[in-house]
Amino acid sequence: MKTKTVHSVLFGLAVGDALGVPVEFKNRSYFETKPVSDMLEYGTHNQPAGTWSDDSSLAFCLAESLSKGYDLEDIATKFLQWCNAEIWTPYGRVFDIGIATRQAIFQISKGTNPVLCGGFEENDNGNGSLMRILPLAFYLQRETNLNIIYQKAKEVSSITHAHFRSVFACFIYIVYALEILKGQNKNKAYENMQLKVNDFISENDFNTKEVQLFDRILNNRISDLSSDDIHSTGYVLHSLEASFWCFLNSNSYEETVLKAVNLGSDTDTTAAIAGGLAGLLYGFDAIPEKWINQLARKNDILELCDKLESNLIQKSTLIEIQKTDITEITTDVIVNAANTSLLGGGGVDGAIHRKGGKQILEECIAIRNRQGGCDVGQAVITTAGNLPSKYVIHTVGPVWNGDKEEKKKLLEDCYKNSLELALQHNIKTIAFPNISTGIYHFPKDKAAEIAIKTVKEFHRKEEFEKIIFVCFDDENYDLYKALLA
């Protein structure tokens, strides 16, 4: 995951939305001869290029409310203010609003409890809550209890769309986004989402027929379907499937949103939903600058991003644990438990060199030629070759023998020097393995204590967005989990 996370999501969503606005409701055959490849003007809603719709407006309302905390009444009030053209319209008027959303906002204006405003009937399952739900992921990014995540998604969806189908679509989307926020690549995040959501289903008494509607997403690879099997209407299930299909079958932000628009029909919403995920994965800098500059109220959106980033995201550095393969982690940098030769070895070291390819080894050799390897407790940095991260920091942990106090100090130095080196390269997200706990036989409990204490006490810890401890085995995972509890 790249830096400027909030900017990546809100601009990713809004740019996708704006690309789709001029051609909303065009059928798929239209795009076979006139595919969208750039920001257009006028068209369906007769709006200037860069104009976003209710998709972005309501997402901005939610983001602004969440920047002050979680308050359903305030969220609902902001939706009403938008409908009255008081806040978050591109040019001072509302030009696009769904029927279900309009009816719900009427209930808000009457003082109805927000969670009772949305429609509960089967025909109320438009995509009006799914299109705006993504900012909720920032509020929930430290939450591990799926019951709480589901409840919050349900409450925020229900302000305009309260039927189970709409709620569950929002829940799936948020769980997927949360996995990407953890630094997972899109395919691993998708697999994790499927596992977590299916486990959650097994623990709850949901309507079986309703759950089965999500089978193509939860029990298959939606990306394996052909475009002929993907629908892009305003029905919530179609929107979820289409956005996931575009996201999983693309390799850049630009490809994702253009693929979504060119599916036709509800072009702006499909591209907004897919664009939010693509922004989250590829980062703010991956969104074409010319499209960002064309957006209506660009500076206001920037201010909103800064406010949410400051008030919700950067209150503290997120420290988390994951039980996975560190070579699959998508952080700015992963740390390698190297040896003094820097030429690769067993365990994590060997896996990183094998998967990263010869570029890592070539850079390590160049470092050896300059300084003669890497001393115990020190750290050096290379690019990441074929790995999903941008860099690899190689640090050499101590072997557990001789002076035990000295070994503890050297292990502390591994973490401190890795963090210092990361900051020198403007790195914001970093993943550590369990250094020295393999063939170097450092006691796992002592190593875990040193790792967590050193990271928590690091004098510039707040400059990182996220620090992940990646555990390969259950014993380490349980130790870290207990220490971080």
Protein backbone atom coordinates (compact mmCIF):
# COMPACT_ATOMS: atom_id res chain seq x y z
CA MET A 1 0.00 0.00 0.00
CA LYS A 2 1.27 3.44 -0.89
CA THR A 3 1.20 6.62 1.18
CA LYS A 4 -1.55 9.30 1.18
CA THR A 5 -4.09 6.58 1.79
CA VAL A 6 -7.14 8.80 2.25
CA HIS A 7 -6.27 10.88 -0.82
CA SER A 8 -5.86 7.67 -2.80
CA VAL A 9 -9.35 6.48 -1.91
CA LEU A 10 -11.36 9.70 -2.16
CA PHE A 11 -9.72 10.87 -5.37
CA GLY A 12 -9.75 7.33 -6.74
CA LEU A 13 -13.48 7.17 -6.18
CA ALA A 14 -14.23 10.69 -7.48
CA VAL A 15 -12.12 10.39 -10.63
CA GLY A 16 -13.83 7.11 -11.53
CA ASP A 17 -17.19 8.75 -10.88
CA ALA A 18 -16.34 11.77 -13.07
CA LEU A 19 -15.15 9.57 -15.93
CA GLY A 20 -18.50 7.80 -15.95
CA VAL A 21 -20.89 10.75 -15.53
CA PRO A 22 -20.94 11.89 -19.19
CA VAL A 23 -21.80 8.41 -20.48
CA GLU A 24 -24.10 7.11 -17.75
CA PHE A 25 -26.89 4.84 -19.06
CA LYS A 26 -25.12 4.13 -22.37
CA ASN A 27 -25.34 0.43 -23.19
CA ARG A 28 -22.26 -1.71 -23.64
CA SER A 29 -22.48 -1.86 -27.40
CA TYR A 30 -22.06 1.93 -27.54
CA PHE A 31 -18.54 1.61 -26.12
CA GLU A 32 -17.47 -0.97 -28.70
CA THR A 33 -17.08 1.87 -31.20
CA LYS A 34 -16.64 4.80 -28.78
CA PRO A 35 -14.64 3.54 -25.78
CA VAL A 36 -13.92 6.11 -23.10
CA SER A 37 -10.20 6.76 -22.68
CA ASP A 38 -10.16 10.20 -21.08
CA MET A 39 -12.27 12.68 -19.12
CA LEU A 40 -15.23 13.84 -21.24
CA GLU A 41 -17.56 16.82 -20.94
CA TYR A 42 -21.34 17.29 -21.08
CA GLY A 43 -23.01 14.10 -22.35
CA THR A 44 -25.77 12.44 -20.31
CA HIS A 45 -26.09 15.06 -17.56
CA ASN A 46 -24.75 18.06 -19.55
CA GLN A 47 -21.97 18.69 -17.02
CA PRO A 48 -18.43 20.04 -17.51
CA ALA A 49 -15.54 17.58 -17.57
CA GLY A 50 -14.47 16.55 -14.08
CA THR A 51 -17.96 16.69 -12.60
CA TRP A 52 -18.70 14.01 -10.01
CA SER A 53 -22.13 12.78 -9.02
CA ASP A 54 -24.05 11.69 -5.91
CA ASP A 55 -21.62 8.76 -5.56
CA SER A 56 -18.79 11.09 -4.58
CA SER A 57 -21.02 13.63 -2.85
CA LEU A 58 -22.32 11.12 -0.32
CA ALA A 59 -18.89 9.54 0.14
CA PHE A 60 -17.52 13.01 0.93
CA CYS A 61 -20.37 13.59 3.39
CA LEU A 62 -19.51 10.33 5.15
CA ALA A 63 -15.78 11.14 5.18
CA GLU A 64 -16.38 14.59 6.64
CA SER A 65 -18.59 13.19 9.37
CA LEU A 66 -16.14 10.40 10.22
CA SER A 67 -13.32 12.91 10.57
CA LYS A 68 -15.05 13.96 13.80
CA GLY A 69 -15.92 10.42 14.92
CA TYR A 70 -18.74 7.94 14.37
CA ASP A 71 -22.15 9.60 14.67
CA LEU A 72 -25.08 8.26 12.63
CA GLU A 73 -27.18 11.36 13.26
CA ASP A 74 -24.41 13.57 11.91
CA ILE A 75 -23.92 11.35 8.86
CA ALA A 76 -27.65 11.47 8.12
CA THR A 77 -27.73 15.24 8.63
CA LYS A 78 -24.93 15.70 6.12
CA PHE A 79 -26.83 13.60 3.57
CA LEU A 80 -29.82 15.91 4.07
CA GLN A 81 -27.64 19.01 3.72
CA TRP A 82 -26.26 17.64 0.46
CA CYS A 83 -29.74 16.94 -0.89
CA ASN A 84 -30.62 20.56 -0.08
CA ALA A 85 -27.52 21.62 -2.06
CA GLU A 86 -25.90 23.05 1.08
CA ILE A 87 -22.74 20.90 1.05
CA TRP A 88 -20.69 18.69 -1.28
CA THR A 89 -22.26 19.39 -4.64
CA PRO A 90 -19.82 19.97 -7.51
CA TYR A 91 -21.43 23.24 -8.65
CA GLY A 92 -24.12 24.19 -6.11
CA ARG A 93 -26.94 21.93 -7.23
CA VAL A 94 -27.90 18.26 -7.10
CA PHE A 95 -28.25 16.77 -10.58
CA ASP A 96 -28.28 13.03 -9.89
CA ILE A 97 -30.00 11.24 -7.01
CA GLY A 98 -31.45 7.75 -6.81
CA ILE A 99 -35.07 7.10 -5.92
CA ALA A 100 -34.29 5.07 -2.80
CA THR A 101 -31.81 7.67 -1.58
CA ARG A 102 -34.28 10.49 -2.14
CA GLN A 103 -36.99 8.63 -0.22
CA ALA A 104 -34.60 7.90 2.65
CA ILE A 105 -33.48 11.52 2.87
CA PHE A 106 -37.12 12.56 3.06
CA GLN A 107 -37.39 10.32 6.14
CA ILE A 108 -34.26 11.96 7.56
CA SER A 109 -35.90 15.37 7.11
CA LYS A 110 -38.85 14.15 9.18
CA GLY A 111 -36.56 13.22 12.09
CA THR A 112 -36.75 9.44 11.64
CA ASN A 113 -34.05 7.37 13.34
CA PRO A 114 -31.24 7.13 10.70
CA VAL A 115 -31.12 3.31 10.73
CA LEU A 116 -34.85 3.22 9.91
CA CYS A 117 -34.72 5.64 6.98
CA GLY A 118 -33.52 3.24 4.28
CA GLY A 119 -35.82 0.91 2.37
CA PHE A 120 -36.18 -2.66 3.68
CA GLU A 121 -37.88 -4.18 0.62
CA GLU A 122 -36.25 -6.35 -2.03
CA ASN A 123 -36.77 -3.70 -4.69
CA ASP A 124 -34.78 -1.24 -2.57
CA ASN A 125 -31.48 -2.89 -3.49
CA GLY A 126 -29.92 -0.23 -5.66
CA ASN A 127 -26.24 0.59 -5.25
CA GLY A 128 -26.78 3.84 -3.35
CA SER A 129 -25.15 2.73 -0.10
CA LEU A 130 -22.37 0.63 -1.66
CA MET A 131 -21.19 3.58 -3.75
CA ARG A 132 -20.50 5.74 -0.66
CA ILE A 133 -19.46 3.23 2.03
CA LEU A 134 -15.68 3.06 1.46
CA PRO A 135 -14.59 5.88 3.85
CA LEU A 136 -15.95 3.71 6.68
CA ALA A 137 -12.93 1.44 6.17
CA PHE A 138 -10.69 4.13 7.65
CA TYR A 139 -12.78 4.25 10.81
CA LEU A 140 -12.68 0.44 11.06
CA GLN A 141 -9.07 -0.21 10.06
CA ARG A 142 -7.99 -1.16 13.58
CA GLU A 143 -11.07 -3.29 14.21
CA THR A 144 -10.63 -7.06 14.13
CA ASN A 145 -14.09 -8.15 15.32
CA LEU A 146 -16.21 -8.97 12.25
CA ASN A 147 -19.40 -8.59 14.24
CA ILE A 148 -18.55 -4.96 14.89
CA ILE A 149 -17.49 -4.39 11.27
CA TYR A 150 -20.77 -5.90 10.06
CA GLN A 151 -22.82 -3.84 12.52
CA LYS A 152 -21.19 -0.56 11.48
CA ALA A 153 -21.57 -1.37 7.77
CA LYS A 154 -25.22 -2.24 8.43
CA GLU A 155 -25.91 0.99 10.28
CA VAL A 156 -24.27 3.25 7.70
CA SER A 157 -25.88 1.41 4.79
CA SER A 158 -29.29 1.46 6.42
CA ILE A 159 -29.48 5.24 6.38
CA THR A 160 -30.50 4.86 2.73
CA HIS A 161 -30.52 1.09 2.02
CA ALA A 162 -31.53 -1.28 4.82
CA HIS A 163 -32.27 -4.56 3.03
CA PHE A 164 -29.86 -7.41 3.89
CA ARG A 165 -28.59 -7.60 0.32
CA SER A 166 -27.40 -4.00 0.30
CA VAL A 167 -25.99 -4.29 3.81
CA PHE A 168 -24.10 -7.50 3.01
CA ALA A 169 -22.68 -6.06 -0.20
CA CYS A 170 -21.30 -3.13 1.83
CA PHE A 171 -19.90 -5.55 4.41
CA ILE A 172 -18.07 -7.63 1.78
CA TYR A 173 -16.68 -4.49 0.14
CA ILE A 174 -15.42 -3.11 3.47
CA VAL A 175 -13.84 -6.43 4.50
CA TYR A 176 -12.01 -6.56 1.15
CA ALA A 177 -10.83 -2.95 1.56
CA LEU A 178 -9.60 -3.68 5.09
CA GLU A 179 -7.50 -6.56 3.79
CA ILE A 180 -5.92 -4.25 1.21
CA LEU A 181 -5.31 -1.68 3.95
CA LYS A 182 -3.26 -4.35 5.74
CA GLY A 183 -0.84 -4.37 2.83
CA GLN A 184 -2.06 -7.52 1.07
CA ASN A 185 -1.95 -7.72 -2.71
CA LYS A 186 -5.35 -7.72 -4.38
CA ASN A 187 -5.52 -11.49 -4.93
CA LYS A 188 -4.43 -12.44 -1.43
CA ALA A 189 -6.77 -9.82 0.00
CA TYR A 190 -9.62 -11.30 -2.04
CA GLU A 191 -8.89 -14.80 -0.74
CA ASN A 192 -8.73 -13.51 2.83
CA MET A 193 -12.02 -11.68 2.36
CA GLN A 194 -13.67 -14.86 1.11
CA LEU A 195 -12.39 -16.88 4.09
CA LYS A 196 -13.41 -14.29 6.65
CA VAL A 197 -16.84 -13.61 5.21
CA ASN A 198 -17.63 -17.32 4.78
CA ASP A 199 -16.56 -17.99 8.37
CA PHE A 200 -18.77 -15.11 9.48
CA ILE A 201 -21.70 -16.56 7.54
CA SER A 202 -21.21 -19.95 9.22
CA GLU A 203 -21.43 -18.30 12.63
CA ASN A 204 -24.66 -16.41 11.91
CA ASP A 205 -28.21 -17.36 11.04
CA PHE A 206 -28.54 -15.44 7.78
CA ASN A 207 -31.18 -16.14 5.13
CA THR A 208 -29.62 -18.90 3.00
CA LYS A 209 -31.21 -17.74 -0.24
CA GLU A 210 -29.88 -14.23 0.29
CA VAL A 211 -26.37 -15.44 1.04
CA GLN A 212 -26.38 -17.69 -2.03
CA LEU A 213 -26.83 -14.62 -4.21
CA PHE A 214 -23.21 -13.74 -3.37
CA ASP A 215 -21.90 -17.15 -4.42
CA ARG A 216 -20.04 -15.86 -7.50
CA ILE A 217 -18.06 -13.51 -5.25
CA LEU A 218 -17.61 -15.63 -2.14
CA ASN A 219 -17.13 -19.14 -3.53
CA ASN A 220 -15.66 -18.52 -6.97
CA ARG A 221 -13.21 -16.20 -8.66
CA ILE A 222 -15.39 -13.44 -10.06
CA SER A 223 -12.41 -12.38 -12.19
CA ASP A 224 -12.51 -15.67 -14.11
CA LEU A 225 -15.84 -14.83 -15.71
CA SER A 226 -16.07 -13.30 -19.14
CA SER A 227 -17.36 -9.75 -19.56
CA ASP A 228 -20.55 -11.22 -21.06
CA ASP A 229 -21.29 -12.74 -17.64
CA ILE A 230 -20.80 -9.40 -15.82
CA HIS A 231 -23.69 -6.95 -15.54
CA SER A 232 -23.18 -3.28 -14.72
CA THR A 233 -26.64 -2.01 -13.84
CA GLY A 234 -27.57 -0.05 -10.73
CA TYR A 235 -28.56 -3.23 -8.85
CA VAL A 236 -26.26 -3.56 -5.84
CA LEU A 237 -25.13 -7.12 -6.56
CA HIS A 238 -24.32 -6.25 -10.17
CA SER A 239 -22.31 -3.23 -9.02
CA LEU A 240 -20.31 -5.24 -6.50
CA GLU A 241 -19.54 -8.00 -9.01
CA ALA A 242 -18.67 -5.59 -11.80
CA SER A 243 -16.37 -3.47 -9.66
CA PHE A 244 -14.52 -6.51 -8.30
CA TRP A 245 -14.24 -7.93 -11.81
CA CYS A 246 -12.70 -4.73 -13.16
CA PHE A 247 -10.36 -4.36 -10.18
CA LEU A 248 -9.09 -7.94 -10.26
CA ASN A 249 -8.65 -8.00 -14.04
CA SER A 250 -6.61 -4.79 -14.22
CA ASN A 251 -3.05 -3.86 -13.37
CA SER A 252 -3.28 -0.12 -12.80
CA TYR A 253 -5.66 2.52 -11.53
CA GLU A 254 -6.27 3.86 -15.04
CA GLU A 255 -7.02 0.44 -16.50
CA THR A 256 -9.44 -0.34 -13.65
CA VAL A 257 -11.64 2.74 -13.98
CA LEU A 258 -11.69 2.78 -17.77
CA LYS A 259 -12.65 -0.88 -17.81
CA ALA A 260 -15.48 -0.06 -15.39
CA VAL A 261 -16.79 2.86 -17.46
CA ASN A 262 -16.66 0.87 -20.68
CA LEU A 263 -18.88 -1.84 -19.23
CA GLY A 264 -21.69 0.66 -19.76
CA SER A 265 -24.99 1.23 -17.94
CA ASP A 266 -24.33 2.64 -14.44
CA THR A 267 -20.91 3.83 -15.55
CA ASP A 268 -20.21 6.41 -12.87
CA THR A 269 -21.06 4.17 -9.93
CA THR A 270 -19.23 1.07 -11.17
CA ALA A 271 -16.14 3.21 -11.79
CA ALA A 272 -16.47 4.94 -8.40
CA ILE A 273 -16.71 1.64 -6.51
CA ALA A 274 -13.85 0.07 -8.47
CA GLY A 275 -11.85 3.31 -8.44
CA GLY A 276 -11.90 3.55 -4.66
CA LEU A 277 -10.32 0.11 -4.37
CA ALA A 278 -7.84 0.82 -7.16
CA GLY A 279 -6.79 4.06 -5.49
CA LEU A 280 -6.33 2.20 -2.22
CA LEU A 281 -4.12 -0.43 -3.86
CA TYR A 282 -2.07 1.59 -6.35
CA GLY A 283 -1.84 4.87 -4.44
CA PHE A 284 -2.50 8.54 -5.08
CA ASP A 285 0.44 8.97 -7.43
CA ALA A 286 -0.99 6.24 -9.69
CA ILE A 287 -4.07 8.36 -10.47
CA PRO A 288 -3.35 10.41 -13.63
CA GLU A 289 -2.58 13.97 -12.54
CA LYS A 290 -4.51 15.47 -15.44
CA TRP A 291 -7.68 13.77 -14.20
CA ILE A 292 -7.13 14.96 -10.65
CA ASN A 293 -6.63 18.52 -11.88
CA GLN A 294 -9.89 18.39 -13.84
CA LEU A 295 -12.01 17.44 -10.83
CA ALA A 296 -14.58 19.93 -9.62
CA ARG A 297 -13.62 21.36 -6.20
CA LYS A 298 -10.25 19.66 -6.22
CA ASN A 299 -8.90 21.87 -3.44
CA ASP A 300 -11.92 21.22 -1.22
CA ILE A 301 -11.43 17.47 -1.67
CA LEU A 302 -7.76 17.87 -0.76
CA GLU A 303 -8.74 19.69 2.44
CA LEU A 304 -11.22 16.95 3.28
CA CYS A 305 -8.55 14.29 2.75
CA ASP A 306 -6.14 16.17 4.99
CA LYS A 307 -8.79 16.51 7.69
CA LEU A 308 -9.69 12.82 7.68
CA GLU A 309 -6.03 11.81 7.49
CA SER A 310 -5.18 14.01 10.45
CA ASN A 311 -8.17 13.33 12.66
CA LEU A 312 -8.78 9.66 12.01
CA ILE A 313 -5.79 8.01 10.40
CA GLN A 314 -2.72 9.61 11.94
CA LYS A 315 -3.72 9.70 15.58
CA SER A 316 -1.32 6.84 16.18
CA THR A 317 0.85 4.49 14.21
CA LEU A 318 -0.96 1.26 13.47
CA ILE A 319 0.98 -1.73 14.80
CA GLU A 320 -0.44 -5.08 13.79
CA ILE A 321 0.43 -8.74 13.40
CA GLN A 322 -0.24 -11.03 10.48
CA LYS A 323 0.33 -14.75 10.05
CA THR A 324 1.36 -14.97 6.43
CA ASP A 325 4.30 -15.15 4.03
CA ILE A 326 6.26 -11.89 4.22
CA THR A 327 7.04 -12.08 0.50
CA GLU A 328 3.32 -11.55 -0.17
CA ILE A 329 3.09 -8.34 1.89
CA THR A 330 2.49 -5.09 -0.02
CA THR A 331 4.12 -2.54 2.27
CA ASP A 332 6.64 0.09 1.22
CA VAL A 333 9.39 -2.12 2.63
CA ILE A 334 9.82 -5.59 4.08
CA VAL A 335 12.68 -6.47 6.41
CA ASN A 336 14.85 -9.46 5.65
CA ALA A 337 16.50 -11.51 8.41
CA ALA A 338 19.77 -11.67 6.49
CA ASN A 339 23.22 -13.04 7.25
CA THR A 340 26.47 -11.07 7.25
CA SER A 341 27.34 -12.14 3.70
CA LEU A 342 24.12 -10.63 2.25
CA LEU A 343 24.17 -13.45 -0.31
CA GLY A 344 21.02 -15.22 0.78
CA GLY A 345 20.49 -18.25 2.97
CA GLY A 346 17.69 -20.29 4.44
CA GLY A 347 14.30 -19.34 5.91
CA VAL A 348 13.02 -15.81 5.29
CA ASP A 349 16.34 -14.79 3.73
CA GLY A 350 16.20 -17.52 1.10
CA ALA A 351 12.52 -16.93 0.35
CA ILE A 352 13.06 -13.20 -0.23
CA HIS A 353 16.00 -13.80 -2.56
CA ARG A 354 14.18 -16.53 -4.50
CA LYS A 355 11.03 -14.56 -5.04
CA GLY A 356 12.69 -11.16 -5.41
CA GLY A 357 15.03 -12.40 -8.11
CA LYS A 358 18.56 -11.55 -9.16
CA GLN A 359 18.14 -7.77 -8.82
CA ILE A 360 18.21 -8.05 -5.01
CA LEU A 361 21.32 -10.25 -5.08
CA GLU A 362 23.08 -7.92 -7.51
CA GLU A 363 22.47 -4.95 -5.23
CA CYS A 364 23.60 -6.94 -2.19
CA ILE A 365 26.82 -7.83 -3.99
CA ALA A 366 27.38 -4.14 -4.78
CA ILE A 367 26.96 -3.33 -1.07
CA ARG A 368 29.45 -6.09 -0.17
CA ASN A 369 31.94 -4.64 -2.62
CA ARG A 370 31.59 -1.23 -0.97
CA GLN A 371 31.58 -2.19 2.71
CA GLY A 372 32.27 -5.91 3.02
CA GLY A 373 28.86 -7.25 4.02
CA CYS A 374 26.64 -6.24 6.93
CA ASP A 375 27.52 -6.47 10.62
CA VAL A 376 25.19 -8.00 13.22
CA GLY A 377 22.63 -5.44 14.34
CA GLN A 378 23.17 -3.21 11.31
CA ALA A 379 20.94 -2.77 8.25
CA VAL A 380 21.24 -2.02 4.54
CA ILE A 381 18.58 -1.41 1.90
CA THR A 382 17.96 -2.60 -1.66
CA THR A 383 15.06 -2.43 -4.06
CA ALA A 384 12.61 -5.34 -3.93
CA GLY A 385 12.98 -6.88 -7.37
CA ASN A 386 9.91 -8.98 -8.16
CA LEU A 387 8.38 -8.61 -4.70
CA PRO A 388 5.22 -6.51 -4.22
CA SER A 389 6.97 -4.10 -1.84
CA LYS A 390 9.23 -1.29 -3.06
CA TYR A 391 12.28 -2.01 -0.91
CA VAL A 392 13.94 -4.69 1.20
CA ILE A 393 15.87 -3.78 4.32
CA HIS A 394 18.42 -6.47 5.16
CA THR A 395 19.35 -6.68 8.83
CA VAL A 396 21.53 -9.31 10.52
CA GLY A 397 20.20 -10.75 13.74
CA PRO A 398 22.34 -12.23 16.51
CA VAL A 399 22.90 -15.93 17.17
CA TRP A 400 21.68 -16.86 20.67
CA ASN A 401 24.94 -17.85 22.38
CA GLY A 402 27.61 -16.27 24.52
CA ASP A 403 26.75 -12.96 26.22
CA LYS A 404 22.95 -13.00 26.32
CA GLU A 405 22.61 -9.30 27.26
CA GLU A 406 24.77 -8.37 24.31
CA LYS A 407 22.57 -10.48 22.04
CA LYS A 408 19.46 -8.68 23.29
CA LYS A 409 21.07 -5.33 22.56
CA LEU A 410 22.03 -6.46 19.06
CA LEU A 411 18.48 -7.59 18.34
CA GLU A 412 17.19 -4.19 19.49
CA ASP A 413 19.68 -2.62 17.09
CA CYS A 414 18.23 -4.67 14.22
CA TYR A 415 14.83 -3.05 14.71
CA LYS A 416 16.13 0.45 15.49
CA ASN A 417 18.51 0.57 12.54
CA SER A 418 15.88 -0.81 10.18
CA LEU A 419 13.42 1.87 11.26
CA GLU A 420 16.00 4.64 10.95
CA LEU A 421 16.98 3.45 7.47
CA ALA A 422 13.33 3.28 6.45
CA LEU A 423 12.76 6.90 7.48
CA GLN A 424 15.79 8.00 5.49
CA HIS A 425 13.97 6.66 2.42
CA ASN A 426 10.59 8.28 3.31
CA ILE A 427 9.02 4.90 3.99
CA LYS A 428 5.64 4.88 5.73
CA THR A 429 4.75 1.19 5.94
CA ILE A 430 7.14 -1.54 7.04
CA ALA A 431 6.86 -5.28 7.75
CA PHE A 432 9.21 -7.21 10.06
CA PRO A 433 9.75 -10.98 10.26
CA ASN A 434 10.58 -12.73 13.55
CA ILE A 435 14.29 -11.91 13.42
CA SER A 436 16.76 -14.50 14.81
CA THR A 437 14.07 -16.96 15.97
CA GLY A 438 14.85 -19.61 13.34
CA ILE A 439 18.25 -21.26 12.97
CA TYR A 440 19.80 -18.53 15.17
CA HIS A 441 17.76 -19.99 18.08
CA PHE A 442 16.89 -16.72 19.81
CA PRO A 443 14.10 -17.61 22.29
CA LYS A 444 10.84 -16.64 20.63
CA ASP A 445 9.28 -15.12 23.73
CA LYS A 446 12.32 -12.91 24.40
CA ALA A 447 12.60 -11.93 20.74
CA ALA A 448 8.92 -10.95 20.61
CA GLU A 449 9.25 -8.81 23.73
CA ILE A 450 12.31 -7.04 22.33
CA ALA A 451 10.69 -6.47 18.92
CA ILE A 452 7.49 -4.93 20.27
CA LYS A 453 9.20 -2.88 22.99
CA THR A 454 11.78 -1.49 20.57
CA VAL A 455 9.19 -0.53 17.96
CA LYS A 456 6.83 1.04 20.49
CA GLU A 457 9.64 3.09 22.04
CA PHE A 458 11.22 4.16 18.75
CA HIS A 459 11.60 7.93 18.97
CA ARG A 460 10.12 8.67 15.52
CA LYS A 461 7.52 5.91 15.43
CA GLU A 462 4.69 8.35 14.60
CA GLU A 463 6.23 9.05 11.19
CA PHE A 464 5.14 5.57 10.08
CA GLU A 465 1.58 4.83 9.04
CA LYS A 466 1.81 1.13 9.72
CA ILE A 467 4.29 -1.34 11.24
CA ILE A 468 3.50 -5.02 10.73
CA PHE A 469 4.98 -8.01 12.51
CA VAL A 470 4.70 -10.95 10.11
CA CYS A 471 4.65 -14.30 11.88
CA PHE A 472 5.29 -17.49 9.95
CA ASP A 473 4.28 -19.95 12.68
CA ASP A 474 1.53 -20.21 15.27
CA GLU A 475 3.85 -19.95 18.26
CA ASN A 476 5.23 -16.56 17.23
CA TYR A 477 1.78 -15.34 16.22
CA ASP A 478 0.32 -16.23 19.62
CA LEU A 479 3.23 -14.58 21.44
CA TYR A 480 2.88 -11.32 19.51
CA LYS A 481 -0.89 -11.37 19.81
CA ALA A 482 -0.67 -11.70 23.60
CA LEU A 483 1.94 -8.95 23.90
CA LEU A 484 -0.06 -6.52 21.73
CA ALA A 485 -3.38 -7.25 23.42
